[in-house]
Amino acid sequence: MLRIVLVLQVLILLLFGFFILNIQNTVNDLSGQLETALLTIEDMKTVLPEIEEAVENFNQLEPLFENLGKLSELLSVLTDPFGSNG
């Protein structure tokens, strides 16, 4: 009877050890993924001002795009003043 209890105790300890190792490996994997995510966030913080500057520069070009239609009309009038092509 004592041997059965001893075997059960050893099995319980082995299962407990297996679960502890499994939890430790999971925590290590999560730690590595968290570190990668934090590095990515730091990289984005570095690049974000450049992206904002590019967006601001593009927004400054927006009036030029709006004037392209007027420029196209002006060029049409200059190249075909009497509207003979259309």
Protein backbone atom coordinates (compact mmCIF):
# COMPACT_ATOMS: atom_id res chain seq x y z
CA MET A 1 0.00 0.00 0.00
CA LEU A 2 2.84 2.38 0.80
CA ARG A 3 4.41 1.69 -2.60
CA ILE A 4 1.17 2.70 -4.37
CA VAL A 5 1.06 5.93 -2.38
CA LEU A 6 4.73 6.56 -3.16
CA VAL A 7 4.16 5.94 -6.88
CA LEU A 8 1.16 8.28 -6.87
CA GLN A 9 3.18 10.96 -5.09
CA VAL A 10 6.00 10.63 -7.64
CA LEU A 11 3.48 10.82 -10.50
CA ILE A 12 1.89 13.92 -8.99
CA LEU A 13 5.32 15.54 -8.59
CA LEU A 14 6.22 14.67 -12.21
CA LEU A 15 2.95 16.15 -13.48
CA PHE A 16 3.49 19.25 -11.36
CA GLY A 17 7.05 19.59 -12.72
CA PHE A 18 5.79 19.16 -16.30
CA PHE A 19 3.20 21.90 -15.83
CA ILE A 20 5.77 24.23 -14.24
CA LEU A 21 8.17 23.70 -17.16
CA ASN A 22 5.35 24.21 -19.66
CA ILE A 23 4.31 27.46 -17.97
CA GLN A 24 7.94 28.63 -17.85
CA ASN A 25 8.41 27.98 -21.58
CA THR A 26 5.18 29.83 -22.37
CA VAL A 27 6.25 32.81 -20.29
CA ASN A 28 9.65 32.86 -22.01
CA ASP A 29 7.98 32.81 -25.45
CA LEU A 30 5.65 35.63 -24.44
CA SER A 31 8.60 37.61 -23.08
CA GLY A 32 10.43 37.30 -26.40
CA GLN A 33 7.36 38.36 -28.35
CA LEU A 34 6.82 41.31 -26.01
CA GLU A 35 10.43 42.39 -26.48
CA THR A 36 10.01 42.23 -30.26
CA ALA A 37 6.81 44.28 -30.02
CA LEU A 38 8.52 46.92 -27.88
CA LEU A 39 11.40 47.17 -30.36
CA THR A 40 8.89 47.61 -33.17
CA ILE A 41 7.16 50.37 -31.21
CA GLU A 42 10.49 52.12 -30.66
CA ASP A 43 11.23 51.89 -34.39
CA MET A 44 7.81 53.36 -35.17
CA LYS A 45 8.45 56.22 -32.74
CA THR A 46 11.63 56.96 -34.68
CA VAL A 47 9.93 56.85 -38.09
CA LEU A 48 6.67 58.57 -37.12
CA PRO A 49 8.02 62.17 -37.34
CA GLU A 50 9.28 61.46 -40.85
CA ILE A 51 5.88 60.07 -41.85
CA GLU A 52 4.14 63.13 -40.38
CA GLU A 53 6.49 65.41 -42.33
CA ALA A 54 5.78 63.51 -45.55
CA VAL A 55 2.03 63.83 -44.97
CA GLU A 56 2.37 67.57 -44.31
CA ASN A 57 4.41 67.97 -47.51
CA PHE A 58 1.78 66.07 -49.46
CA ASN A 59 -0.97 68.23 -47.96
CA GLN A 60 0.92 71.30 -49.13
CA LEU A 61 0.83 69.88 -52.67
CA GLU A 62 -2.95 69.41 -52.58
CA PRO A 63 -3.75 72.92 -53.94
CA LEU A 64 -1.46 72.20 -56.88
CA PHE A 65 -3.48 69.09 -57.70
CA GLU A 66 -6.67 71.13 -57.47
CA ASN A 67 -5.23 73.64 -59.95
CA LEU A 68 -4.29 70.94 -62.47
CA GLY A 69 -7.81 70.98 -63.87
CA LYS A 70 -7.61 74.73 -64.46
CA LEU A 71 -4.16 74.34 -66.01
CA SER A 72 -5.49 71.63 -68.32
CA GLU A 73 -8.31 73.94 -69.44
CA LEU A 74 -5.83 76.78 -70.01
CA LEU A 75 -3.57 74.53 -72.09
CA SER A 76 -6.56 73.38 -74.13
CA VAL A 77 -7.48 76.97 -74.88
CA LEU A 78 -3.89 77.84 -75.80
CA THR A 79 -3.39 74.83 -78.07
CA ASP A 80 -6.84 74.98 -79.67
CA PRO A 81 -8.20 78.51 -79.22
CA PHE A 82 -11.23 78.01 -81.46
CA GLY A 83 -12.24 74.59 -80.12
CA SER A 84 -11.95 72.91 -83.50
CA ASN A 85 -10.94 69.50 -82.02
CA GLY A 86 -13.93 69.05 -79.78
